[in-house]
Amino acid sequence: GVSLPIQLKKNREFEVNLCNISAGGMLISTEHILPIGQTFSFSYE
């Protein structure tokens, strides 16, 4: 039940579901199709 807004290039932004997280990475789920190697940024409160 944790939603996380992520920011892609060209100001593209949408929310994903945060499934798990560690200090090195995380697992997210979404309906959006993203390629391997895609980078993005987010604010973690």
PDB file of all heavy atoms in Angstrom:
ATOM      1  N   GLY A   1       0.781  -1.232   0.000  1.00  0.00           N
ATOM      2  CA  GLY A   1       0.000   0.000   0.000  1.00  0.00           C
ATOM      3  C   GLY A   1       0.807   1.272   0.000  1.00  0.00           C
ATOM      4  O   GLY A   1       0.328   2.318   0.427  1.00  0.00           O
ATOM      5  N   VAL A   2       2.052   1.211  -0.500  1.00  0.00           N
ATOM      6  CA  VAL A   2       2.920   2.394  -0.529  1.00  0.00           C
ATOM      7  C   VAL A   2       3.074   2.871  -1.973  1.00  0.00           C
ATOM      8  O   VAL A   2       3.589   2.147  -2.828  1.00  0.00           O
ATOM      9  CB  VAL A   2       4.308   2.103   0.068  1.00  0.00           C
ATOM     10  CG1 VAL A   2       5.185   3.351   0.007  1.00  0.00           C
ATOM     11  CG2 VAL A   2       4.178   1.601   1.496  1.00  0.00           C
ATOM     12  N   SER A   3       2.605   4.082  -2.257  1.00  0.00           N
ATOM     13  CA  SER A   3       2.751   4.684  -3.581  1.00  0.00           C
ATOM     14  C   SER A   3       3.977   5.583  -3.605  1.00  0.00           C
ATOM     15  O   SER A   3       4.265   6.271  -2.625  1.00  0.00           O
ATOM     16  CB  SER A   3       1.506   5.495  -3.955  1.00  0.00           C
ATOM     17  OG  SER A   3       0.379   4.655  -4.057  1.00  0.00           O
ATOM     18  N   LEU A   4       4.683   5.562  -4.738  1.00  0.00           N
ATOM     19  CA  LEU A   4       5.923   6.328  -4.849  1.00  0.00           C
ATOM     20  C   LEU A   4       5.955   7.055  -6.190  1.00  0.00           C
ATOM     21  O   LEU A   4       5.988   6.414  -7.242  1.00  0.00           O
ATOM     22  CB  LEU A   4       7.121   5.378  -4.743  1.00  0.00           C
ATOM     23  CG  LEU A   4       8.506   6.018  -4.780  1.00  0.00           C
ATOM     24  CD1 LEU A   4       8.769   6.793  -3.491  1.00  0.00           C
ATOM     25  CD2 LEU A   4       9.572   4.939  -4.978  1.00  0.00           C
ATOM     26  N   PRO A   5       5.926   8.385  -6.196  1.00  0.00           N
ATOM     27  CA  PRO A   5       6.067   9.119  -7.470  1.00  0.00           C
ATOM     28  C   PRO A   5       7.515   9.038  -7.960  1.00  0.00           C
ATOM     29  O   PRO A   5       8.443   9.253  -7.190  1.00  0.00           O
ATOM     30  CB  PRO A   5       5.702  10.558  -7.097  1.00  0.00           C
ATOM     31  CG  PRO A   5       5.056  10.473  -5.740  1.00  0.00           C
ATOM     32  CD  PRO A   5       5.656   9.277  -5.072  1.00  0.00           C
ATOM     33  N   ILE A   6       7.707   8.685  -9.236  1.00  0.00           N
ATOM     34  CA  ILE A   6       9.051   8.657  -9.814  1.00  0.00           C
ATOM     35  C   ILE A   6       9.122   9.643 -10.976  1.00  0.00           C
ATOM     36  O   ILE A   6       8.127   9.930 -11.632  1.00  0.00           O
ATOM     37  CB  ILE A   6       9.459   7.239 -10.277  1.00  0.00           C
ATOM     38  CG1 ILE A   6       8.565   6.767 -11.443  1.00  0.00           C
ATOM     39  CG2 ILE A   6       9.401   6.261  -9.126  1.00  0.00           C
ATOM     40  CD1 ILE A   6       9.054   5.470 -12.086  1.00  0.00           C
ATOM     41  N   GLN A   7      10.320  10.163 -11.213  1.00  0.00           N
ATOM     42  CA  GLN A   7      10.547  11.193 -12.230  1.00  0.00           C
ATOM     43  C   GLN A   7      11.485  10.651 -13.293  1.00  0.00           C
ATOM     44  O   GLN A   7      12.633  10.300 -12.999  1.00  0.00           O
ATOM     45  CB  GLN A   7      11.158  12.441 -11.575  1.00  0.00           C
ATOM     46  CG  GLN A   7      11.458  13.577 -12.535  1.00  0.00           C
ATOM     47  CD  GLN A   7      10.210  14.382 -12.864  1.00  0.00           C
ATOM     48  OE1 GLN A   7       9.425  14.689 -11.979  1.00  0.00           O
ATOM     49  NE2 GLN A   7      10.044  14.731 -14.124  1.00  0.00           N
ATOM     50  N   LEU A   8      11.002  10.545 -14.544  1.00  0.00           N
ATOM     51  CA  LEU A   8      11.829  10.132 -15.665  1.00  0.00           C
ATOM     52  C   LEU A   8      12.326  11.371 -16.401  1.00  0.00           C
ATOM     53  O   LEU A   8      12.036  12.497 -16.009  1.00  0.00           O
ATOM     54  CB  LEU A   8      11.047   9.225 -16.614  1.00  0.00           C
ATOM     55  CG  LEU A   8      10.875   7.770 -16.184  1.00  0.00           C
ATOM     56  CD1 LEU A   8       9.933   7.645 -15.004  1.00  0.00           C
ATOM     57  CD2 LEU A   8      10.367   6.922 -17.337  1.00  0.00           C
ATOM     58  N   LYS A   9      13.063  11.153 -17.470  1.00  0.00           N
ATOM     59  CA  LYS A   9      13.545  12.275 -18.268  1.00  0.00           C
ATOM     60  C   LYS A   9      12.373  12.995 -18.935  1.00  0.00           C
ATOM     61  O   LYS A   9      11.288  12.455 -19.075  1.00  0.00           O
ATOM     62  CB  LYS A   9      14.535  11.782 -19.327  1.00  0.00           C
ATOM     63  CG  LYS A   9      15.848  11.264 -18.748  1.00  0.00           C
ATOM     64  CD  LYS A   9      16.779  10.821 -19.857  1.00  0.00           C
ATOM     65  CE  LYS A   9      18.110  10.332 -19.282  1.00  0.00           C
ATOM     66  NZ  LYS A   9      19.028   9.873 -20.355  1.00  0.00           N
ATOM     67  N   LYS A  10      12.621  14.215 -19.362  1.00  0.00           N
ATOM     68  CA  LYS A  10      11.634  15.058 -20.048  1.00  0.00           C
ATOM     69  C   LYS A  10      10.401  15.306 -19.180  1.00  0.00           C
ATOM     70  O   LYS A  10       9.268  15.385 -19.672  1.00  0.00           O
ATOM     71  CB  LYS A  10      11.235  14.427 -21.384  1.00  0.00           C
ATOM     72  CG  LYS A  10      12.394  14.289 -22.367  1.00  0.00           C
ATOM     73  CD  LYS A  10      11.930  13.707 -23.677  1.00  0.00           C
ATOM     74  CE  LYS A  10      13.105  13.573 -24.658  1.00  0.00           C
ATOM     75  NZ  LYS A  10      12.696  12.981 -25.949  1.00  0.00           N
ATOM     76  N   ASN A  11      10.636  15.380 -17.859  1.00  0.00           N
ATOM     77  CA  ASN A  11       9.587  15.718 -16.897  1.00  0.00           C
ATOM     78  C   ASN A  11       8.426  14.730 -16.887  1.00  0.00           C
ATOM     79  O   ASN A  11       7.307  15.076 -16.502  1.00  0.00           O
ATOM     80  CB  ASN A  11       9.049  17.136 -17.153  1.00  0.00           C
ATOM     81  CG  ASN A  11      10.106  18.201 -16.919  1.00  0.00           C
ATOM     82  OD1 ASN A  11      10.896  18.089 -15.981  1.00  0.00           O
ATOM     83  ND2 ASN A  11      10.127  19.204 -17.772  1.00  0.00           N
ATOM     84  N   ARG A  12       8.664  13.514 -17.337  1.00  0.00           N
ATOM     85  CA  ARG A  12       7.626  12.483 -17.268  1.00  0.00           C
ATOM     86  C   ARG A  12       7.579  11.935 -15.841  1.00  0.00           C
ATOM     87  O   ARG A  12       8.586  11.485 -15.313  1.00  0.00           O
ATOM     88  CB  ARG A  12       7.927  11.359 -18.259  1.00  0.00           C
ATOM     89  CG  ARG A  12       6.833  10.298 -18.324  1.00  0.00           C
ATOM     90  CD  ARG A  12       7.228   9.165 -19.248  1.00  0.00           C
ATOM     91  NE  ARG A  12       6.254   8.097 -19.227  1.00  0.00           N
ATOM     92  CZ  ARG A  12       6.484   6.864 -19.676  1.00  0.00           C
ATOM     93  NH1 ARG A  12       7.680   6.560 -20.167  1.00  0.00           N
ATOM     94  NH2 ARG A  12       5.539   5.939 -19.624  1.00  0.00           N
ATOM     95  N   GLU A  13       6.401  11.961 -15.248  1.00  0.00           N
ATOM     96  CA  GLU A  13       6.269  11.535 -13.849  1.00  0.00           C
ATOM     97  C   GLU A  13       4.985  10.731 -13.666  1.00  0.00           C
ATOM     98  O   GLU A  13       3.949  11.036 -14.241  1.00  0.00           O
ATOM     99  CB  GLU A  13       6.251  12.752 -12.922  1.00  0.00           C
ATOM    100  CG  GLU A  13       6.165  12.394 -11.440  1.00  0.00           C
ATOM    101  CD  GLU A  13       6.234  13.620 -10.536  1.00  0.00           C
ATOM    102  OE1 GLU A  13       6.750  14.656 -11.007  1.00  0.00           O
ATOM    103  OE2 GLU A  13       5.768  13.522  -9.394  1.00  0.00           O
ATOM    104  N   PHE A  14       5.075   9.651 -12.888  1.00  0.00           N
ATOM    105  CA  PHE A  14       3.895   8.892 -12.515  1.00  0.00           C
ATOM    106  C   PHE A  14       4.194   8.112 -11.237  1.00  0.00           C
ATOM    107  O   PHE A  14       5.338   8.015 -10.808  1.00  0.00           O
ATOM    108  CB  PHE A  14       3.445   7.944 -13.634  1.00  0.00           C
ATOM    109  CG  PHE A  14       4.518   7.032 -14.155  1.00  0.00           C
ATOM    110  CD1 PHE A  14       4.810   5.841 -13.525  1.00  0.00           C
ATOM    111  CD2 PHE A  14       5.231   7.366 -15.300  1.00  0.00           C
ATOM    112  CE1 PHE A  14       5.797   4.999 -14.011  1.00  0.00           C
ATOM    113  CE2 PHE A  14       6.218   6.537 -15.793  1.00  0.00           C
ATOM    114  CZ  PHE A  14       6.501   5.354 -15.147  1.00  0.00           C
ATOM    115  N   GLU A  15       3.126   7.578 -10.631  1.00  0.00           N
ATOM    116  CA  GLU A  15       3.276   6.841  -9.384  1.00  0.00           C
ATOM    117  C   GLU A  15       3.420   5.346  -9.649  1.00  0.00           C
ATOM    118  O   GLU A  15       2.807   4.793 -10.556  1.00  0.00           O
ATOM    119  CB  GLU A  15       2.070   7.078  -8.471  1.00  0.00           C
ATOM    120  CG  GLU A  15       2.061   8.453  -7.827  1.00  0.00           C
ATOM    121  CD  GLU A  15       1.043   8.565  -6.715  1.00  0.00           C
ATOM    122  OE1 GLU A  15       0.172   7.672  -6.607  1.00  0.00           O
ATOM    123  OE2 GLU A  15       1.128   9.540  -5.944  1.00  0.00           O
ATOM    124  N   VAL A  16       4.249   4.700  -8.825  1.00  0.00           N
ATOM    125  CA  VAL A  16       4.408   3.251  -8.853  1.00  0.00           C
ATOM    126  C   VAL A  16       4.120   2.708  -7.461  1.00  0.00           C
ATOM    127  O   VAL A  16       4.064   3.466  -6.485  1.00  0.00           O
ATOM    128  CB  VAL A  16       5.838   2.846  -9.287  1.00  0.00           C
ATOM    129  CG1 VAL A  16       6.153   3.383 -10.675  1.00  0.00           C
ATOM    130  CG2 VAL A  16       6.882   3.355  -8.281  1.00  0.00           C
ATOM    131  N   ASN A  17       3.925   1.401  -7.385  1.00  0.00           N
ATOM    132  CA  ASN A  17       3.746   0.751  -6.088  1.00  0.00           C
ATOM    133  C   ASN A  17       5.089   0.242  -5.598  1.00  0.00           C
ATOM    134  O   ASN A  17       5.807  -0.452  -6.337  1.00  0.00           O
ATOM    135  CB  ASN A  17       2.760  -0.411  -6.200  1.00  0.00           C
ATOM    136  CG  ASN A  17       1.384   0.043  -6.632  1.00  0.00           C
ATOM    137  OD1 ASN A  17       0.837   0.999  -6.090  1.00  0.00           O
ATOM    138  ND2 ASN A  17       0.813  -0.634  -7.619  1.00  0.00           N
ATOM    139  N   LEU A  18       5.438   0.585  -4.370  1.00  0.00           N
ATOM    140  CA  LEU A  18       6.700   0.145  -3.790  1.00  0.00           C
ATOM    141  C   LEU A  18       6.468  -1.194  -3.089  1.00  0.00           C
ATOM    142  O   LEU A  18       5.730  -1.268  -2.103  1.00  0.00           O
ATOM    143  CB  LEU A  18       7.214   1.197  -2.801  1.00  0.00           C
ATOM    144  CG  LEU A  18       8.556   0.931  -2.120  1.00  0.00           C
ATOM    145  CD1 LEU A  18       9.652   0.685  -3.146  1.00  0.00           C
ATOM    146  CD2 LEU A  18       8.915   2.097  -1.209  1.00  0.00           C
ATOM    147  N   CYS A  19       7.079  -2.262  -3.609  1.00  0.00           N
ATOM    148  CA  CYS A  19       6.853  -3.623  -3.091  1.00  0.00           C
ATOM    149  C   CYS A  19       7.853  -3.999  -2.004  1.00  0.00           C
ATOM    150  O   CYS A  19       7.484  -4.637  -1.013  1.00  0.00           O
ATOM    151  CB  CYS A  19       6.930  -4.640  -4.226  1.00  0.00           C
ATOM    152  SG  CYS A  19       5.785  -4.310  -5.582  1.00  0.00           S
ATOM    153  N   ASN A  20       9.112  -3.660  -2.206  1.00  0.00           N
ATOM    154  CA  ASN A  20      10.111  -3.838  -1.147  1.00  0.00           C
ATOM    155  C   ASN A  20      11.267  -2.882  -1.398  1.00  0.00           C
ATOM    156  O   ASN A  20      11.419  -2.339  -2.495  1.00  0.00           O
ATOM    157  CB  ASN A  20      10.586  -5.297  -1.026  1.00  0.00           C
ATOM    158  CG  ASN A  20      11.396  -5.775  -2.212  1.00  0.00           C
ATOM    159  OD1 ASN A  20      12.332  -5.114  -2.662  1.00  0.00           O
ATOM    160  ND2 ASN A  20      11.060  -6.944  -2.736  1.00  0.00           N
ATOM    161  N   ILE A  21      12.078  -2.685  -0.365  1.00  0.00           N
ATOM    162  CA  ILE A  21      13.189  -1.735  -0.479  1.00  0.00           C
ATOM    163  C   ILE A  21      14.339  -2.199   0.397  1.00  0.00           C
ATOM    164  O   ILE A  21      14.135  -2.829   1.448  1.00  0.00           O
ATOM    165  CB  ILE A  21      12.745  -0.306  -0.079  1.00  0.00           C
ATOM    166  CG1 ILE A  21      13.842   0.717  -0.388  1.00  0.00           C
ATOM    167  CG2 ILE A  21      12.322  -0.245   1.387  1.00  0.00           C
ATOM    168  CD1 ILE A  21      13.385   2.163  -0.282  1.00  0.00           C
ATOM    169  N   SER A  22      15.554  -1.930  -0.046  1.00  0.00           N
ATOM    170  CA  SER A  22      16.767  -2.144   0.738  1.00  0.00           C
ATOM    171  C   SER A  22      17.642  -0.916   0.562  1.00  0.00           C
ATOM    172  O   SER A  22      17.275   0.019  -0.156  1.00  0.00           O
ATOM    173  CB  SER A  22      17.510  -3.401   0.262  1.00  0.00           C
ATOM    174  OG  SER A  22      18.160  -3.157  -0.966  1.00  0.00           O
ATOM    175  N   ALA A  23      18.802  -0.928   1.184  1.00  0.00           N
ATOM    176  CA  ALA A  23      19.710   0.210   1.037  1.00  0.00           C
ATOM    177  C   ALA A  23      20.342   0.247  -0.346  1.00  0.00           C
ATOM    178  O   ALA A  23      20.913   1.267  -0.740  1.00  0.00           O
ATOM    179  CB  ALA A  23      20.796   0.157   2.106  1.00  0.00           C
ATOM    180  N   GLY A  24      20.232  -0.855  -1.101  1.00  0.00           N
ATOM    181  CA  GLY A  24      20.848  -0.903  -2.421  1.00  0.00           C
ATOM    182  C   GLY A  24      19.893  -0.852  -3.587  1.00  0.00           C
ATOM    183  O   GLY A  24      20.308  -0.665  -4.724  1.00  0.00           O
ATOM    184  N   GLY A  25      18.599  -1.013  -3.324  1.00  0.00           N
ATOM    185  CA  GLY A  25      17.650  -1.026  -4.429  1.00  0.00           C
ATOM    186  C   GLY A  25      16.234  -1.282  -3.950  1.00  0.00           C
ATOM    187  O   GLY A  25      15.953  -1.284  -2.751  1.00  0.00           O
ATOM    188  N   MET A  26      15.329  -1.515  -4.900  1.00  0.00           N
ATOM    189  CA  MET A  26      13.929  -1.719  -4.544  1.00  0.00           C
ATOM    190  C   MET A  26      13.216  -2.481  -5.653  1.00  0.00           C
ATOM    191  O   MET A  26      13.713  -2.608  -6.774  1.00  0.00           O
ATOM    192  CB  MET A  26      13.226  -0.386  -4.304  1.00  0.00           C
ATOM    193  CG  MET A  26      13.149   0.513  -5.516  1.00  0.00           C
ATOM    194  SD  MET A  26      12.381   2.113  -5.125  1.00  0.00           S
ATOM    195  CE  MET A  26      12.468   2.915  -6.744  1.00  0.00           C
ATOM    196  N   LEU A  27      12.037  -2.994  -5.305  1.00  0.00           N
ATOM    197  CA  LEU A  27      11.146  -3.651  -6.257  1.00  0.00           C
ATOM    198  C   LEU A  27       9.875  -2.820  -6.351  1.00  0.00           C
ATOM    199  O   LEU A  27       9.255  -2.501  -5.334  1.00  0.00           O
ATOM    200  CB  LEU A  27      10.815  -5.066  -5.787  1.00  0.00           C
ATOM    201  CG  LEU A  27       9.918  -5.893  -6.719  1.00  0.00           C
ATOM    202  CD1 LEU A  27      10.659  -6.246  -8.003  1.00  0.00           C
ATOM    203  CD2 LEU A  27       9.440  -7.160  -6.012  1.00  0.00           C
ATOM    204  N   ILE A  28       9.495  -2.442  -7.578  1.00  0.00           N
ATOM    205  CA  ILE A  28       8.304  -1.634  -7.786  1.00  0.00           C
ATOM    206  C   ILE A  28       7.377  -2.340  -8.767  1.00  0.00           C
ATOM    207  O   ILE A  28       7.805  -3.227  -9.514  1.00  0.00           O
ATOM    208  CB  ILE A  28       8.640  -0.222  -8.322  1.00  0.00           C
ATOM    209  CG1 ILE A  28       9.380  -0.322  -9.677  1.00  0.00           C
ATOM    210  CG2 ILE A  28       9.454   0.563  -7.311  1.00  0.00           C
ATOM    211  CD1 ILE A  28       9.640   1.025 -10.345  1.00  0.00           C
ATOM    212  N   SER A  29       6.110  -1.962  -8.767  1.00  0.00           N
ATOM    213  CA  SER A  29       5.167  -2.485  -9.754  1.00  0.00           C
ATOM    214  C   SER A  29       4.369  -1.330 -10.342  1.00  0.00           C
ATOM    215  O   SER A  29       4.110  -0.332  -9.673  1.00  0.00           O
ATOM    216  CB  SER A  29       4.228  -3.520  -9.124  1.00  0.00           C
ATOM    217  OG  SER A  29       3.401  -2.919  -8.151  1.00  0.00           O
ATOM    218  N   THR A  30       3.983  -1.484 -11.619  1.00  0.00           N
ATOM    219  CA  THR A  30       3.250  -0.435 -12.311  1.00  0.00           C
ATOM    220  C   THR A  30       2.649  -1.007 -13.591  1.00  0.00           C
ATOM    221  O   THR A  30       3.053  -2.081 -14.051  1.00  0.00           O
ATOM    222  CB  THR A  30       4.165   0.758 -12.662  1.00  0.00           C
ATOM    223  OG1 THR A  30       3.416   1.738 -13.392  1.00  0.00           O
ATOM    224  CG2 THR A  30       5.349   0.319 -13.495  1.00  0.00           C
ATOM    225  N   GLU A  31       1.713  -0.294 -14.157  1.00  0.00           N
ATOM    226  CA  GLU A  31       1.141  -0.673 -15.448  1.00  0.00           C
ATOM    227  C   GLU A  31       1.986  -0.163 -16.603  1.00  0.00           C
ATOM    228  O   GLU A  31       1.798  -0.575 -17.753  1.00  0.00           O
ATOM    229  CB  GLU A  31      -0.276  -0.116 -15.577  1.00  0.00           C
ATOM    230  CG  GLU A  31      -0.319   1.415 -15.559  1.00  0.00           C
ATOM    231  CD  GLU A  31      -1.733   1.972 -15.630  1.00  0.00           C
ATOM    232  OE1 GLU A  31      -2.686   1.186 -15.544  1.00  0.00           O
ATOM    233  OE2 GLU A  31      -1.859   3.207 -15.781  1.00  0.00           O
ATOM    234  N   HIS A  32       2.914   0.721 -16.327  1.00  0.00           N
ATOM    235  CA  HIS A  32       3.736   1.326 -17.374  1.00  0.00           C
ATOM    236  C   HIS A  32       4.832   0.364 -17.832  1.00  0.00           C
ATOM    237  O   HIS A  32       5.427  -0.350 -17.022  1.00  0.00           O
ATOM    238  CB  HIS A  32       4.375   2.623 -16.878  1.00  0.00           C
ATOM    239  CG  HIS A  32       3.378   3.698 -16.556  1.00  0.00           C
ATOM    240  ND1 HIS A  32       2.858   4.541 -17.510  1.00  0.00           N
ATOM    241  CD2 HIS A  32       2.790   4.046 -15.382  1.00  0.00           C
ATOM    242  CE1 HIS A  32       2.003   5.378 -16.934  1.00  0.00           C
ATOM    243  NE2 HIS A  32       1.944   5.098 -15.654  1.00  0.00           N
ATOM    244  N   ILE A  33       5.113   0.362 -19.129  1.00  0.00           N
ATOM    245  CA  ILE A  33       6.184  -0.466 -19.695  1.00  0.00           C
ATOM    246  C   ILE A  33       7.472   0.351 -19.720  1.00  0.00           C
ATOM    247  O   ILE A  33       7.535   1.421 -20.329  1.00  0.00           O
ATOM    248  CB  ILE A  33       5.828  -0.930 -21.115  1.00  0.00           C
ATOM    249  CG1 ILE A  33       4.549  -1.770 -21.085  1.00  0.00           C
ATOM    250  CG2 ILE A  33       6.972  -1.739 -21.724  1.00  0.00           C
ATOM    251  CD1 ILE A  33       4.068  -2.181 -22.468  1.00  0.00           C
ATOM    252  N   LEU A  34       8.505  -0.165 -19.053  1.00  0.00           N
ATOM    253  CA  LEU A  34       9.799   0.519 -18.964  1.00  0.00           C
ATOM    254  C   LEU A  34      10.901  -0.458 -19.372  1.00  0.00           C
ATOM    255  O   LEU A  34      10.849  -1.637 -19.032  1.00  0.00           O
ATOM    256  CB  LEU A  34      10.046   1.016 -17.538  1.00  0.00           C
ATOM    257  CG  LEU A  34       9.004   1.997 -16.970  1.00  0.00           C
ATOM    258  CD1 LEU A  34       9.237   2.208 -15.485  1.00  0.00           C
ATOM    259  CD2 LEU A  34       9.065   3.319 -17.708  1.00  0.00           C
ATOM    260  N   PRO A  35      11.927   0.006 -20.078  1.00  0.00           N
ATOM    261  CA  PRO A  35      12.996  -0.890 -20.530  1.00  0.00           C
ATOM    262  C   PRO A  35      14.053  -1.099 -19.445  1.00  0.00           C
ATOM    263  O   PRO A  35      14.225  -0.267 -18.550  1.00  0.00           O
ATOM    264  CB  PRO A  35      13.587  -0.129 -21.718  1.00  0.00           C
ATOM    265  CG  PRO A  35      13.385   1.316 -21.358  1.00  0.00           C
ATOM    266  CD  PRO A  35      12.067   1.367 -20.626  1.00  0.00           C
ATOM    267  N   ILE A  36      14.752  -2.222 -19.531  1.00  0.00           N
ATOM    268  CA  ILE A  36      15.920  -2.436 -18.680  1.00  0.00           C
ATOM    269  C   ILE A  36      16.956  -1.368 -19.020  1.00  0.00           C
ATOM    270  O   ILE A  36      17.193  -1.057 -20.176  1.00  0.00           O
ATOM    271  CB  ILE A  36      16.484  -3.846 -18.888  1.00  0.00           C
ATOM    272  CG1 ILE A  36      15.550  -4.879 -18.258  1.00  0.00           C
ATOM    273  CG2 ILE A  36      17.887  -3.971 -18.296  1.00  0.00           C
ATOM    274  CD1 ILE A  36      15.993  -6.303 -18.455  1.00  0.00           C
ATOM    275  N   GLY A  37      17.544  -0.791 -17.996  1.00  0.00           N
ATOM    276  CA  GLY A  37      18.487   0.303 -18.191  1.00  0.00           C
ATOM    277  C   GLY A  37      17.863   1.675 -18.015  1.00  0.00           C
ATOM    278  O   GLY A  37      18.574   2.678 -17.936  1.00  0.00           O
ATOM    279  N   GLN A  38      16.518   1.723 -17.957  1.00  0.00           N
ATOM    280  CA  GLN A  38      15.826   2.999 -17.726  1.00  0.00           C
ATOM    281  C   GLN A  38      16.226   3.576 -16.364  1.00  0.00           C
ATOM    282  O   GLN A  38      16.238   2.880 -15.358  1.00  0.00           O
ATOM    283  CB  GLN A  38      14.309   2.790 -17.757  1.00  0.00           C
ATOM    284  CG  GLN A  38      13.483   4.000 -17.342  1.00  0.00           C
ATOM    285  CD  GLN A  38      13.494   5.088 -18.394  1.00  0.00           C
ATOM    286  OE1 GLN A  38      13.045   4.878 -19.510  1.00  0.00           O
ATOM    287  NE2 GLN A  38      14.006   6.241 -18.047  1.00  0.00           N
ATOM    288  N   THR A  39      16.578   4.831 -16.331  1.00  0.00           N
ATOM    289  CA  THR A  39      16.916   5.495 -15.075  1.00  0.00           C
ATOM    290  C   THR A  39      15.810   6.467 -14.690  1.00  0.00           C
ATOM    291  O   THR A  39      15.090   6.975 -15.549  1.00  0.00           O
ATOM    292  CB  THR A  39      18.258   6.239 -15.180  1.00  0.00           C
ATOM    293  OG1 THR A  39      18.175   7.208 -16.232  1.00  0.00           O
ATOM    294  CG2 THR A  39      19.392   5.273 -15.471  1.00  0.00           C
ATOM    295  N   PHE A  40      15.702   6.714 -13.415  1.00  0.00           N
ATOM    296  CA  PHE A  40      14.714   7.669 -12.909  1.00  0.00           C
ATOM    297  C   PHE A  40      15.148   8.135 -11.530  1.00  0.00           C
ATOM    298  O   PHE A  40      16.095   7.587 -10.938  1.00  0.00           O
ATOM    299  CB  PHE A  40      13.312   7.031 -12.856  1.00  0.00           C
ATOM    300  CG  PHE A  40      13.214   5.816 -11.974  1.00  0.00           C
ATOM    301  CD1 PHE A  40      12.903   5.927 -10.621  1.00  0.00           C
ATOM    302  CD2 PHE A  40      13.406   4.547 -12.504  1.00  0.00           C
ATOM    303  CE1 PHE A  40      12.800   4.816  -9.811  1.00  0.00           C
ATOM    304  CE2 PHE A  40      13.302   3.419 -11.706  1.00  0.00           C
ATOM    305  CZ  PHE A  40      12.998   3.551 -10.355  1.00  0.00           C
ATOM    306  N   SER A  41      14.482   9.141 -11.021  1.00  0.00           N
ATOM    307  CA  SER A  41      14.775   9.652  -9.686  1.00  0.00           C
ATOM    308  C   SER A  41      13.487   9.720  -8.888  1.00  0.00           C
ATOM    309  O   SER A  41      12.388   9.712  -9.444  1.00  0.00           O
ATOM    310  CB  SER A  41      15.434  11.032  -9.767  1.00  0.00           C
ATOM    311  OG  SER A  41      14.571  11.951 -10.423  1.00  0.00           O
ATOM    312  N   PHE A  42      13.623   9.760  -7.583  1.00  0.00           N
ATOM    313  CA  PHE A  42      12.457   9.874  -6.714  1.00  0.00           C
ATOM    314  C   PHE A  42      12.884  10.445  -5.370  1.00  0.00           C
ATOM    315  O   PHE A  42      14.064  10.429  -4.998  1.00  0.00           O
ATOM    316  CB  PHE A  42      11.771   8.518  -6.526  1.00  0.00           C
ATOM    317  CG  PHE A  42      12.600   7.490  -5.805  1.00  0.00           C
ATOM    318  CD1 PHE A  42      12.460   7.283  -4.438  1.00  0.00           C
ATOM    319  CD2 PHE A  42      13.508   6.710  -6.503  1.00  0.00           C
ATOM    320  CE1 PHE A  42      13.216   6.330  -3.779  1.00  0.00           C
ATOM    321  CE2 PHE A  42      14.280   5.749  -5.852  1.00  0.00           C
ATOM    322  CZ  PHE A  42      14.130   5.563  -4.484  1.00  0.00           C
ATOM    323  N   SER A  43      11.903  10.967  -4.654  1.00  0.00           N
ATOM    324  CA  SER A  43      12.126  11.498  -3.311  1.00  0.00           C
ATOM    325  C   SER A  43      11.575  10.497  -2.308  1.00  0.00           C
ATOM    326  O   SER A  43      10.399  10.132  -2.384  1.00  0.00           O
ATOM    327  CB  SER A  43      11.418  12.846  -3.138  1.00  0.00           C
ATOM    328  OG  SER A  43      11.908  13.793  -4.073  1.00  0.00           O
ATOM    329  N   TYR A  44      12.424  10.049  -1.409  1.00  0.00           N
ATOM    330  CA  TYR A  44      12.007   9.076  -0.392  1.00  0.00           C
ATOM    331  C   TYR A  44      11.930   9.772   0.964  1.00  0.00           C
ATOM    332  O   TYR A  44      12.932  10.222   1.507  1.00  0.00           O
ATOM    333  CB  TYR A  44      12.982   7.904  -0.341  1.00  0.00           C
ATOM    334  CG  TYR A  44      12.491   6.753   0.492  1.00  0.00           C
ATOM    335  CD1 TYR A  44      11.469   5.934   0.026  1.00  0.00           C
ATOM    336  CD2 TYR A  44      13.014   6.486   1.744  1.00  0.00           C
ATOM    337  CE1 TYR A  44      10.999   4.880   0.769  1.00  0.00           C
ATOM    338  CE2 TYR A  44      12.560   5.428   2.497  1.00  0.00           C
ATOM    339  CZ  TYR A  44      11.549   4.635   2.014  1.00  0.00           C
ATOM    340  OH  TYR A  44      11.085   3.582   2.756  1.00  0.00           O
ATOM    341  N   GLU A  45      10.726   9.865   1.486  1.00  0.00           N
ATOM    342  CA  GLU A  45      10.494  10.618   2.716  1.00  0.00           C
ATOM    343  C   GLU A  45      10.759   9.755   3.952  1.00  0.00           C
ATOM    344  O   GLU A  45      10.164   8.685   4.121  1.00  0.00           O
ATOM    345  CB  GLU A  45       9.057  11.146   2.746  1.00  0.00           C
ATOM    346  CG  GLU A  45       8.778  12.195   1.688  1.00  0.00           C
ATOM    347  CD  GLU A  45       7.415  12.834   1.838  1.00  0.00           C
ATOM    348  OE1 GLU A  45       6.779  12.632   2.904  1.00  0.00           O
ATOM    349  OE2 GLU A  45       6.983  13.537   0.912  1.00  0.00           O
TER     350      GLU A  45
END
